[in-house]
């Protein structure tokens, strides 16, 4: 080795860390924003790896729903759930409750979609299903109160309370299956891509 040649020390590669998990080393970058991300944060898309934030921003275009749309969905599903729960207490067999629940759930979800002008949010399915469950149970309790109040002798004051009405509803397997099927259909309809 000649004296003119000097050994150049090898430079170590720069170490990068995931922005979401600062304790993890990585060299993987989002192909859209350039953010460093670990394997857990990386999402494989048709155009390469992207960070979860960029993927979420892209998906937001498909969920234009607002808070008022959530309120419309909940109110619609709860109101129609009350009617469905009231009527379902008259269906004696759980097989009929299962068969009838599918089109009723489709009807309720379609009405909710139309009233919200087909705008869905990320949680519209869960909110609609919760509205149907709460409304269906309330409708079942209203029907139980009407039935319970009608069976009392004239002049007797009914002692209607949640403790009295809740067993009527929770012991009615047909009603619970009916409400469950409707909630499942409503949730699925809001999660469906169209």
N, C-alpha and C. Protein backbone atom coordinates (compact mmCIF):
# COMPACT_ATOMS: atom_id res chain seq x y z
N UNK A 1 0.83 -1.15 0.00
CA UNK A 1 0.00 0.00 0.00
C UNK A 1 0.89 1.23 0.00
N UNK A 2 0.60 2.13 -0.87
CA UNK A 2 1.43 3.32 -0.96
C UNK A 2 1.03 4.33 0.10
N UNK A 3 1.91 5.25 0.31
CA UNK A 3 1.65 6.26 1.33
C UNK A 3 0.57 7.24 0.90
N UNK A 4 0.33 7.33 -0.40
CA UNK A 4 -0.71 8.26 -0.86
C UNK A 4 -2.10 7.68 -0.62
N UNK A 5 -2.19 6.37 -0.55
CA UNK A 5 -3.48 5.77 -0.28
C UNK A 5 -3.73 5.76 1.22
N UNK A 6 -4.77 6.30 1.58
CA UNK A 6 -5.12 6.28 2.99
C UNK A 6 -6.36 5.41 3.15
N UNK A 7 -6.40 4.72 4.20
CA UNK A 7 -7.59 3.89 4.41
C UNK A 7 -8.72 4.79 4.90
N UNK A 8 -9.79 4.72 4.18
CA UNK A 8 -10.98 5.51 4.53
C UNK A 8 -11.85 4.63 5.41
N UNK A 9 -12.17 5.13 6.59
CA UNK A 9 -13.00 4.30 7.46
C UNK A 9 -14.39 4.10 6.85
N UNK A 10 -14.89 2.90 6.99
CA UNK A 10 -16.22 2.59 6.46
C UNK A 10 -17.27 3.31 7.30
N UNK A 11 -18.18 4.00 6.63
CA UNK A 11 -19.23 4.71 7.37
C UNK A 11 -20.35 3.74 7.68
N UNK A 12 -20.80 3.79 8.87
CA UNK A 12 -21.91 2.93 9.27
C UNK A 12 -23.20 3.49 8.67
N UNK A 13 -24.08 2.57 8.30
CA UNK A 13 -25.37 3.02 7.76
C UNK A 13 -26.14 3.74 8.86
N UNK A 14 -26.89 4.73 8.44
CA UNK A 14 -27.69 5.46 9.39
C UNK A 14 -28.83 4.57 9.89
N UNK A 15 -29.10 4.61 11.17
CA UNK A 15 -30.13 3.78 11.77
C UNK A 15 -31.43 4.58 11.82
N UNK A 16 -32.52 3.97 11.36
CA UNK A 16 -33.84 4.61 11.37
C UNK A 16 -34.78 3.80 12.26
N UNK A 17 -35.75 4.50 12.80
CA UNK A 17 -36.71 3.85 13.69
C UNK A 17 -38.13 4.11 13.19
N UNK A 18 -38.99 3.16 13.47
CA UNK A 18 -40.40 3.28 13.11
C UNK A 18 -40.99 4.47 13.85
N UNK A 19 -41.81 5.27 13.15
CA UNK A 19 -42.40 6.45 13.78
C UNK A 19 -43.46 6.08 14.80
N UNK A 20 -44.14 4.97 14.61
CA UNK A 20 -45.16 4.55 15.56
C UNK A 20 -44.57 3.75 16.72
N UNK A 21 -43.49 3.04 16.45
CA UNK A 21 -42.81 2.22 17.46
C UNK A 21 -41.34 2.64 17.51
N UNK A 22 -41.00 3.64 18.28
CA UNK A 22 -39.64 4.19 18.26
C UNK A 22 -38.55 3.25 18.76
N UNK A 23 -38.91 2.10 19.28
CA UNK A 23 -37.91 1.15 19.75
C UNK A 23 -37.53 0.12 18.68
N UNK A 24 -38.14 0.20 17.49
CA UNK A 24 -37.89 -0.78 16.43
C UNK A 24 -37.11 -0.15 15.29
N UNK A 25 -35.97 -0.77 14.97
CA UNK A 25 -35.17 -0.30 13.84
C UNK A 25 -35.82 -0.76 12.54
N UNK A 26 -35.70 0.08 11.52
CA UNK A 26 -36.29 -0.26 10.23
C UNK A 26 -35.63 0.53 9.12
N UNK A 27 -35.71 0.01 7.93
CA UNK A 27 -35.30 0.73 6.73
C UNK A 27 -36.46 0.82 5.74
N UNK A 28 -37.61 0.33 6.15
CA UNK A 28 -38.79 0.31 5.30
C UNK A 28 -39.48 1.67 5.38
N UNK A 29 -39.80 2.23 4.21
CA UNK A 29 -40.45 3.54 4.15
C UNK A 29 -41.76 3.43 3.38
N UNK A 30 -42.69 4.28 3.75
CA UNK A 30 -43.97 4.37 3.04
C UNK A 30 -43.68 4.95 1.65
N UNK A 31 -44.25 4.33 0.62
CA UNK A 31 -43.97 4.81 -0.73
C UNK A 31 -44.78 6.05 -1.10
N UNK A 32 -45.64 6.52 -0.19
CA UNK A 32 -46.39 7.72 -0.47
C UNK A 32 -45.84 8.93 0.29
N UNK A 33 -45.67 8.78 1.60
CA UNK A 33 -45.23 9.93 2.41
C UNK A 33 -43.77 9.83 2.85
N UNK A 34 -43.15 8.68 2.70
CA UNK A 34 -41.75 8.53 3.06
C UNK A 34 -41.51 8.25 4.53
N UNK A 35 -42.55 8.05 5.30
CA UNK A 35 -42.44 7.80 6.73
C UNK A 35 -41.81 6.42 6.97
N UNK A 36 -40.89 6.35 7.94
CA UNK A 36 -40.30 5.07 8.29
C UNK A 36 -41.32 4.26 9.10
N UNK A 37 -41.38 2.95 8.80
CA UNK A 37 -42.35 2.10 9.48
C UNK A 37 -41.78 0.70 9.65
N UNK A 38 -42.23 0.03 10.71
CA UNK A 38 -41.80 -1.35 10.94
C UNK A 38 -42.72 -2.29 10.16
N UNK A 39 -42.44 -3.56 10.22
CA UNK A 39 -43.22 -4.54 9.48
C UNK A 39 -44.66 -4.58 9.99
N UNK A 40 -44.85 -4.38 11.27
CA UNK A 40 -46.20 -4.39 11.84
C UNK A 40 -47.04 -3.21 11.34
N UNK A 41 -46.41 -2.08 11.08
CA UNK A 41 -47.13 -0.89 10.63
C UNK A 41 -47.32 -0.85 9.11
N UNK A 42 -46.59 -1.65 8.39
CA UNK A 42 -46.64 -1.63 6.93
C UNK A 42 -47.89 -2.35 6.42
N UNK A 43 -48.52 -1.76 5.43
CA UNK A 43 -49.69 -2.36 4.79
C UNK A 43 -49.35 -2.56 3.32
N UNK A 44 -49.47 -3.80 2.85
CA UNK A 44 -49.18 -4.09 1.45
C UNK A 44 -50.38 -3.68 0.61
N UNK A 45 -50.15 -2.78 -0.33
CA UNK A 45 -51.19 -2.33 -1.26
C UNK A 45 -50.77 -2.75 -2.66
N UNK A 46 -51.65 -2.62 -3.63
CA UNK A 46 -51.26 -2.97 -5.00
C UNK A 46 -50.10 -2.15 -5.56
N UNK A 47 -49.83 -0.99 -4.96
CA UNK A 47 -48.74 -0.14 -5.44
C UNK A 47 -47.53 -0.17 -4.53
N UNK A 48 -47.50 -1.07 -3.56
CA UNK A 48 -46.35 -1.19 -2.67
C UNK A 48 -46.75 -1.01 -1.22
N UNK A 49 -45.74 -0.91 -0.35
CA UNK A 49 -46.00 -0.77 1.08
C UNK A 49 -46.31 0.67 1.44
N UNK A 50 -47.37 0.82 2.24
CA UNK A 50 -47.75 2.14 2.73
C UNK A 50 -47.99 2.06 4.23
N UNK A 51 -47.85 3.21 4.87
CA UNK A 51 -48.11 3.27 6.31
C UNK A 51 -49.62 3.27 6.54
N UNK A 52 -50.01 2.94 7.76
CA UNK A 52 -51.43 2.86 8.08
C UNK A 52 -52.13 4.20 7.96
N UNK A 53 -51.42 5.29 8.22
CA UNK A 53 -52.03 6.61 8.12
C UNK A 53 -52.40 6.93 6.67
N UNK A 54 -51.51 6.61 5.73
CA UNK A 54 -51.81 6.88 4.32
C UNK A 54 -52.94 5.99 3.81
N UNK A 55 -52.97 4.74 4.26
CA UNK A 55 -54.04 3.83 3.87
C UNK A 55 -55.37 4.34 4.43
N UNK A 56 -55.36 4.80 5.66
CA UNK A 56 -56.58 5.31 6.28
C UNK A 56 -57.08 6.56 5.55
N UNK A 57 -56.17 7.44 5.15
CA UNK A 57 -56.58 8.64 4.40
C UNK A 57 -57.23 8.24 3.08
N UNK A 58 -56.70 7.22 2.45
CA UNK A 58 -57.28 6.76 1.18
C UNK A 58 -58.66 6.16 1.42
N UNK A 59 -58.81 5.37 2.49
CA UNK A 59 -60.10 4.75 2.78
C UNK A 59 -61.15 5.76 3.19
N UNK A 60 -60.74 6.90 3.75
CA UNK A 60 -61.70 7.91 4.17
C UNK A 60 -62.56 8.41 3.02
N UNK A 61 -62.09 8.28 1.80
CA UNK A 61 -62.89 8.68 0.65
C UNK A 61 -64.14 7.82 0.51
N UNK A 62 -64.07 6.58 1.01
CA UNK A 62 -65.19 5.66 0.90
C UNK A 62 -66.14 5.76 2.09
N UNK A 63 -65.78 6.51 3.12
CA UNK A 63 -66.61 6.68 4.31
C UNK A 63 -66.88 8.16 4.56
N UNK A 64 -67.77 8.77 3.76
CA UNK A 64 -68.01 10.20 3.91
C UNK A 64 -69.02 10.55 5.01
N UNK A 65 -69.47 9.57 5.78
CA UNK A 65 -70.48 9.80 6.80
C UNK A 65 -70.02 10.76 7.88
N UNK A 66 -70.97 11.51 8.40
CA UNK A 66 -70.69 12.49 9.44
C UNK A 66 -71.38 12.04 10.73
N UNK A 67 -71.22 12.82 11.78
CA UNK A 67 -71.86 12.51 13.06
C UNK A 67 -73.38 12.55 12.92
N UNK A 68 -73.89 13.47 12.14
CA UNK A 68 -75.35 13.53 11.95
C UNK A 68 -75.85 12.29 11.22
N UNK A 69 -75.04 11.73 10.32
CA UNK A 69 -75.43 10.49 9.65
C UNK A 69 -75.47 9.33 10.65
N UNK A 70 -74.54 9.31 11.60
CA UNK A 70 -74.59 8.30 12.65
C UNK A 70 -75.88 8.41 13.46
N UNK A 71 -76.27 9.63 13.78
CA UNK A 71 -77.50 9.84 14.54
C UNK A 71 -78.73 9.39 13.76
N UNK A 72 -78.76 9.68 12.47
CA UNK A 72 -79.87 9.26 11.62
C UNK A 72 -79.95 7.74 11.56
N UNK A 73 -78.81 7.10 11.38
CA UNK A 73 -78.77 5.63 11.31
C UNK A 73 -79.25 5.03 12.62
N UNK A 74 -78.73 5.53 13.75
CA UNK A 74 -79.12 4.98 15.04
C UNK A 74 -80.61 5.19 15.30
N UNK A 75 -81.10 6.40 15.08
CA UNK A 75 -82.51 6.70 15.34
C UNK A 75 -83.43 5.87 14.45
N UNK A 76 -83.09 5.74 13.19
CA UNK A 76 -83.91 4.95 12.27
C UNK A 76 -83.94 3.49 12.67
N UNK A 77 -82.76 2.93 12.93
CA UNK A 77 -82.69 1.51 13.29
C UNK A 77 -83.36 1.25 14.63
N UNK A 78 -83.22 2.17 15.58
CA UNK A 78 -83.86 1.98 16.88
C UNK A 78 -85.38 2.07 16.76
N UNK A 79 -85.88 3.05 16.02
CA UNK A 79 -87.33 3.22 15.87
C UNK A 79 -87.95 2.02 15.16
N UNK A 80 -87.33 1.59 14.07
CA UNK A 80 -87.87 0.43 13.36
C UNK A 80 -87.64 -0.85 14.15
N UNK A 81 -86.58 -0.87 14.97
CA UNK A 81 -86.34 -2.02 15.85
C UNK A 81 -87.43 -2.14 16.91
N UNK A 82 -87.95 -1.02 17.41
CA UNK A 82 -89.05 -1.04 18.38
C UNK A 82 -90.27 -1.71 17.75
N UNK A 83 -90.59 -1.31 16.53
CA UNK A 83 -91.74 -1.90 15.83
C UNK A 83 -91.50 -3.39 15.60
N UNK A 84 -90.31 -3.74 15.13
CA UNK A 84 -90.00 -5.14 14.87
C UNK A 84 -90.03 -5.97 16.15
N UNK A 85 -89.50 -5.44 17.23
CA UNK A 85 -89.52 -6.15 18.51
C UNK A 85 -90.92 -6.32 19.06
N UNK A 86 -91.76 -5.33 18.86
CA UNK A 86 -93.15 -5.42 19.31
C UNK A 86 -93.88 -6.52 18.55
N UNK A 87 -93.72 -6.53 17.24
CA UNK A 87 -94.40 -7.52 16.40
C UNK A 87 -93.81 -8.92 16.60
N UNK A 88 -92.51 -9.00 16.84
CA UNK A 88 -91.84 -10.30 16.95
C UNK A 88 -92.31 -11.10 18.16
N UNK A 89 -92.83 -10.45 19.17
CA UNK A 89 -93.32 -11.18 20.33
C UNK A 89 -94.53 -12.04 19.97
N UNK A 90 -95.15 -11.78 18.83
CA UNK A 90 -96.29 -12.58 18.39
C UNK A 90 -95.88 -13.76 17.53
N UNK A 91 -94.60 -13.84 17.15
CA UNK A 91 -94.11 -14.96 16.34
C UNK A 91 -93.67 -16.06 17.30
N UNK A 92 -94.38 -17.21 17.31
CA UNK A 92 -94.13 -18.20 18.35
C UNK A 92 -92.92 -19.10 18.10
N UNK A 93 -92.53 -19.31 16.90
CA UNK A 93 -91.46 -20.27 16.63
C UNK A 93 -90.20 -19.56 16.17
N UNK A 94 -89.06 -20.00 16.70
CA UNK A 94 -87.80 -19.33 16.37
C UNK A 94 -87.41 -19.53 14.91
N UNK A 95 -87.90 -20.59 14.25
CA UNK A 95 -87.59 -20.80 12.83
C UNK A 95 -88.18 -19.66 12.00
N UNK A 96 -89.43 -19.30 12.30
CA UNK A 96 -90.05 -18.19 11.59
C UNK A 96 -89.32 -16.88 11.90
N UNK A 97 -88.88 -16.74 13.14
CA UNK A 97 -88.15 -15.53 13.52
C UNK A 97 -86.87 -15.41 12.72
N UNK A 98 -86.21 -16.54 12.48
CA UNK A 98 -84.96 -16.51 11.70
C UNK A 98 -85.25 -16.19 10.23
N UNK A 99 -86.26 -16.82 9.68
CA UNK A 99 -86.58 -16.61 8.26
C UNK A 99 -87.10 -15.20 8.01
N UNK A 100 -87.93 -14.70 8.89
CA UNK A 100 -88.50 -13.36 8.71
C UNK A 100 -87.48 -12.28 9.04
N UNK A 101 -86.52 -12.57 9.91
CA UNK A 101 -85.54 -11.58 10.34
C UNK A 101 -84.65 -11.08 9.22
N UNK A 102 -84.35 -11.92 8.25
CA UNK A 102 -83.44 -11.52 7.16
C UNK A 102 -84.06 -10.41 6.30
N UNK A 103 -85.28 -10.58 5.78
CA UNK A 103 -85.82 -9.46 4.99
C UNK A 103 -86.14 -8.22 5.83
N UNK A 104 -86.53 -8.43 7.09
CA UNK A 104 -86.80 -7.27 7.95
C UNK A 104 -85.52 -6.47 8.18
N UNK A 105 -84.41 -7.17 8.42
CA UNK A 105 -83.12 -6.50 8.57
C UNK A 105 -82.71 -5.75 7.31
N UNK A 106 -82.96 -6.36 6.16
CA UNK A 106 -82.67 -5.69 4.90
C UNK A 106 -83.51 -4.44 4.71
N UNK A 107 -84.79 -4.53 5.09
CA UNK A 107 -85.68 -3.37 4.99
C UNK A 107 -85.22 -2.24 5.90
N UNK A 108 -84.89 -2.58 7.16
CA UNK A 108 -84.46 -1.55 8.12
C UNK A 108 -83.18 -0.89 7.65
N UNK A 109 -82.23 -1.68 7.18
CA UNK A 109 -80.95 -1.09 6.74
C UNK A 109 -81.13 -0.24 5.49
N UNK A 110 -82.02 -0.65 4.61
CA UNK A 110 -82.25 0.14 3.39
C UNK A 110 -82.89 1.48 3.73
N UNK A 111 -83.84 1.49 4.66
CA UNK A 111 -84.46 2.75 5.08
C UNK A 111 -83.40 3.66 5.72
N UNK A 112 -82.55 3.08 6.58
CA UNK A 112 -81.51 3.88 7.23
C UNK A 112 -80.52 4.43 6.20
N UNK A 113 -80.17 3.64 5.21
CA UNK A 113 -79.26 4.12 4.16
C UNK A 113 -79.89 5.24 3.35
N UNK A 114 -81.15 5.10 3.03
CA UNK A 114 -81.81 6.15 2.25
C UNK A 114 -81.94 7.45 3.04
N UNK A 115 -82.25 7.34 4.33
CA UNK A 115 -82.38 8.55 5.13
C UNK A 115 -81.04 9.24 5.37
N UNK A 116 -79.96 8.47 5.35
CA UNK A 116 -78.63 9.08 5.50
C UNK A 116 -78.01 9.42 4.15
N UNK A 117 -78.81 9.34 3.10
CA UNK A 117 -78.38 9.63 1.73
C UNK A 117 -77.20 8.77 1.31
N UNK A 118 -77.22 7.52 1.79
CA UNK A 118 -76.23 6.49 1.47
C UNK A 118 -74.81 6.85 1.93
N UNK A 119 -74.71 7.79 2.83
CA UNK A 119 -73.40 8.12 3.41
C UNK A 119 -73.17 7.20 4.60
N UNK A 120 -72.05 6.52 4.57
CA UNK A 120 -71.70 5.62 5.66
C UNK A 120 -70.41 6.10 6.29
N UNK A 121 -70.30 5.87 7.57
CA UNK A 121 -69.06 6.12 8.29
C UNK A 121 -68.40 4.79 8.62
N UNK A 122 -67.25 4.86 9.22
CA UNK A 122 -66.55 3.63 9.59
C UNK A 122 -67.34 2.79 10.59
N UNK A 123 -68.13 3.40 11.41
CA UNK A 123 -68.86 2.69 12.47
C UNK A 123 -70.37 2.63 12.23
N UNK A 124 -70.83 2.90 11.03
CA UNK A 124 -72.27 2.88 10.76
C UNK A 124 -72.88 1.51 11.00
N UNK A 125 -72.18 0.46 10.65
CA UNK A 125 -72.70 -0.90 10.86
C UNK A 125 -72.91 -1.20 12.33
N UNK A 126 -71.93 -0.88 13.16
CA UNK A 126 -72.04 -1.13 14.60
C UNK A 126 -73.15 -0.28 15.22
N UNK A 127 -73.25 0.98 14.78
CA UNK A 127 -74.26 1.88 15.34
C UNK A 127 -75.65 1.43 14.92
N UNK A 128 -75.82 1.02 13.68
CA UNK A 128 -77.12 0.52 13.23
C UNK A 128 -77.52 -0.75 13.96
N UNK A 129 -76.57 -1.68 14.14
CA UNK A 129 -76.87 -2.92 14.85
C UNK A 129 -77.22 -2.65 16.30
N UNK A 130 -76.51 -1.72 16.95
CA UNK A 130 -76.83 -1.37 18.33
C UNK A 130 -78.22 -0.75 18.44
N UNK A 131 -78.57 0.10 17.48
CA UNK A 131 -79.91 0.69 17.47
C UNK A 131 -80.99 -0.36 17.34
N UNK A 132 -80.78 -1.36 16.47
CA UNK A 132 -81.76 -2.42 16.29
C UNK A 132 -81.90 -3.25 17.57
N UNK A 133 -80.78 -3.56 18.20
CA UNK A 133 -80.84 -4.37 19.43
C UNK A 133 -81.57 -3.63 20.54
N UNK A 134 -81.20 -2.38 20.77
CA UNK A 134 -81.87 -1.60 21.82
C UNK A 134 -83.34 -1.38 21.49
N UNK A 135 -83.62 -1.04 20.25
CA UNK A 135 -85.02 -0.82 19.85
C UNK A 135 -85.83 -2.10 19.91
N UNK A 136 -85.24 -3.21 19.47
CA UNK A 136 -85.96 -4.49 19.50
C UNK A 136 -86.28 -4.92 20.92
N UNK A 137 -85.33 -4.77 21.83
CA UNK A 137 -85.58 -5.11 23.23
C UNK A 137 -86.65 -4.19 23.83
N UNK A 138 -86.58 -2.90 23.49
CA UNK A 138 -87.59 -1.96 23.99
C UNK A 138 -88.97 -2.31 23.43
N UNK A 139 -89.04 -2.67 22.16
CA UNK A 139 -90.32 -3.07 21.56
C UNK A 139 -90.88 -4.32 22.21
N UNK A 140 -89.99 -5.25 22.50
CA UNK A 140 -90.44 -6.46 23.19
C UNK A 140 -90.96 -6.16 24.58
N UNK A 141 -90.31 -5.22 25.28
CA UNK A 141 -90.78 -4.84 26.62
C UNK A 141 -92.10 -4.07 26.55
N UNK A 142 -92.29 -3.26 25.51
CA UNK A 142 -93.56 -2.54 25.35
C UNK A 142 -94.69 -3.54 25.12
N UNK A 143 -94.43 -4.54 24.28
CA UNK A 143 -95.45 -5.56 24.03
C UNK A 143 -95.72 -6.37 25.29
N UNK A 144 -94.67 -6.69 26.05
CA UNK A 144 -94.84 -7.43 27.30
C UNK A 144 -95.63 -6.60 28.30
N UNK A 145 -95.40 -5.29 28.33
CA UNK A 145 -96.15 -4.41 29.24
C UNK A 145 -97.62 -4.38 28.85
N UNK A 146 -97.90 -4.33 27.54
CA UNK A 146 -99.29 -4.34 27.09
C UNK A 146 -99.95 -5.67 27.43
N UNK A 147 -99.23 -6.75 27.25
CA UNK A 147 -99.77 -8.08 27.55
C UNK A 147 -99.94 -8.25 29.05
N UNK A 148 -98.95 -7.82 29.81
CA UNK A 148 -99.00 -7.95 31.27
C UNK A 148 -100.09 -7.07 31.85
N UNK A 149 -100.22 -5.85 31.35
CA UNK A 149 -101.25 -4.94 31.84
C UNK A 149 -102.64 -5.42 31.48
N UNK A 150 -102.80 -6.07 30.34
CA UNK A 150 -104.10 -6.58 29.92
C UNK A 150 -104.55 -7.80 30.70
N UNK A 151 -103.63 -8.50 31.35
CA UNK A 151 -104.00 -9.71 32.09
C UNK A 151 -104.38 -9.43 33.53
N UNK A 152 -104.26 -8.17 33.96
CA UNK A 152 -104.62 -7.83 35.33
C UNK A 152 -106.13 -7.63 35.45
N UNK A 153 -106.69 -7.93 36.62
CA UNK A 153 -108.11 -7.66 36.81
C UNK A 153 -108.39 -6.15 36.77
N UNK A 154 -109.62 -5.80 36.45
CA UNK A 154 -109.98 -4.39 36.35
C UNK A 154 -109.81 -3.70 37.69
N UNK A 155 -109.25 -2.52 37.65
CA UNK A 155 -109.05 -1.73 38.85
C UNK A 155 -107.71 -2.00 39.53
N UNK A 156 -107.02 -3.07 39.15
CA UNK A 156 -105.72 -3.36 39.77
C UNK A 156 -104.66 -2.51 39.08
N UNK A 157 -103.81 -1.91 39.85
CA UNK A 157 -102.75 -1.07 39.29
C UNK A 157 -101.56 -1.96 38.92
N UNK A 158 -101.13 -1.93 37.68
CA UNK A 158 -100.00 -2.78 37.29
C UNK A 158 -98.70 -2.26 37.89
N UNK A 159 -97.89 -3.17 38.35
CA UNK A 159 -96.57 -2.82 38.89
C UNK A 159 -95.53 -3.10 37.81
N UNK A 160 -95.53 -2.25 36.80
CA UNK A 160 -94.63 -2.46 35.67
C UNK A 160 -93.30 -1.79 35.95
N UNK A 161 -92.26 -2.57 35.91
CA UNK A 161 -90.91 -2.04 36.08
C UNK A 161 -89.98 -2.85 35.20
N UNK A 162 -88.76 -2.41 35.13
CA UNK A 162 -87.77 -3.12 34.32
C UNK A 162 -87.55 -4.53 34.85
N UNK A 163 -87.59 -4.69 36.18
CA UNK A 163 -87.42 -6.02 36.78
C UNK A 163 -88.57 -6.95 36.42
N UNK A 164 -89.74 -6.42 36.21
CA UNK A 164 -90.89 -7.23 35.86
C UNK A 164 -90.89 -7.58 34.38
N UNK A 165 -90.52 -6.61 33.52
CA UNK A 165 -90.63 -6.80 32.07
C UNK A 165 -89.43 -7.50 31.44
N UNK A 166 -88.25 -7.30 32.01
CA UNK A 166 -87.05 -7.86 31.41
C UNK A 166 -87.08 -9.39 31.30
N UNK A 167 -87.56 -10.12 32.31
CA UNK A 167 -87.63 -11.59 32.14
C UNK A 167 -88.54 -12.03 31.00
N UNK A 168 -89.62 -11.28 30.74
CA UNK A 168 -90.48 -11.62 29.61
C UNK A 168 -89.69 -11.60 28.31
N UNK A 169 -88.88 -10.58 28.16
CA UNK A 169 -88.12 -10.39 26.92
C UNK A 169 -86.95 -11.37 26.84
N UNK A 170 -86.20 -11.51 27.90
CA UNK A 170 -85.00 -12.35 27.86
C UNK A 170 -85.32 -13.84 27.81
N UNK A 171 -86.52 -14.23 28.20
CA UNK A 171 -86.91 -15.64 28.12
C UNK A 171 -87.56 -15.99 26.79
N UNK A 172 -87.78 -15.01 25.94
CA UNK A 172 -88.39 -15.24 24.64
C UNK A 172 -87.28 -15.48 23.61
N UNK A 173 -86.97 -16.74 23.37
CA UNK A 173 -85.88 -17.11 22.46
C UNK A 173 -86.16 -16.62 21.04
N UNK A 174 -87.42 -16.71 20.61
CA UNK A 174 -87.77 -16.25 19.26
C UNK A 174 -87.44 -14.77 19.08
N UNK A 175 -87.77 -13.97 20.08
CA UNK A 175 -87.48 -12.53 20.00
C UNK A 175 -85.98 -12.28 19.95
N UNK A 176 -85.22 -12.96 20.78
CA UNK A 176 -83.77 -12.75 20.80
C UNK A 176 -83.12 -13.17 19.48
N UNK A 177 -83.57 -14.30 18.93
CA UNK A 177 -83.04 -14.73 17.62
C UNK A 177 -83.43 -13.72 16.55
N UNK A 178 -84.66 -13.28 16.57
CA UNK A 178 -85.15 -12.31 15.59
C UNK A 178 -84.32 -11.02 15.63
N UNK A 179 -84.11 -10.49 16.84
CA UNK A 179 -83.32 -9.27 16.98
C UNK A 179 -81.87 -9.52 16.54
N UNK A 180 -81.31 -10.66 16.90
CA UNK A 180 -79.94 -10.98 16.50
C UNK A 180 -79.77 -11.07 15.00
N UNK A 181 -80.73 -11.70 14.34
CA UNK A 181 -80.66 -11.82 12.87
C UNK A 181 -80.77 -10.45 12.23
N UNK A 182 -81.70 -9.64 12.70
CA UNK A 182 -81.85 -8.30 12.15
C UNK A 182 -80.57 -7.49 12.34
N UNK A 183 -79.99 -7.54 13.54
CA UNK A 183 -78.76 -6.79 13.81
C UNK A 183 -77.63 -7.27 12.91
N UNK A 184 -77.52 -8.57 12.69
CA UNK A 184 -76.48 -9.12 11.82
C UNK A 184 -76.67 -8.62 10.39
N UNK A 185 -77.90 -8.64 9.91
CA UNK A 185 -78.17 -8.18 8.53
C UNK A 185 -77.88 -6.69 8.40
N UNK A 186 -78.29 -5.89 9.38
CA UNK A 186 -78.04 -4.44 9.33
C UNK A 186 -76.54 -4.17 9.32
N UNK A 187 -75.81 -4.85 10.21
CA UNK A 187 -74.36 -4.67 10.25
C UNK A 187 -73.73 -5.05 8.91
N UNK A 188 -74.12 -6.19 8.37
CA UNK A 188 -73.56 -6.64 7.09
C UNK A 188 -73.89 -5.71 5.94
N UNK A 189 -75.09 -5.16 5.95
CA UNK A 189 -75.49 -4.26 4.86
C UNK A 189 -74.68 -2.97 4.88
N UNK A 190 -74.39 -2.46 6.06
CA UNK A 190 -73.58 -1.24 6.14
C UNK A 190 -72.11 -1.51 5.84
N UNK A 191 -71.65 -2.72 6.06
CA UNK A 191 -70.25 -3.05 5.77
C UNK A 191 -70.04 -3.43 4.32
N UNK A 192 -71.12 -3.73 3.61
CA UNK A 192 -71.04 -4.15 2.22
C UNK A 192 -70.59 -2.98 1.35
N UNK A 193 -69.75 -3.27 0.39
CA UNK A 193 -69.28 -2.22 -0.52
C UNK A 193 -70.25 -2.08 -1.66
N UNK A 194 -70.58 -0.84 -1.98
CA UNK A 194 -71.47 -0.58 -3.12
C UNK A 194 -71.07 0.68 -3.81
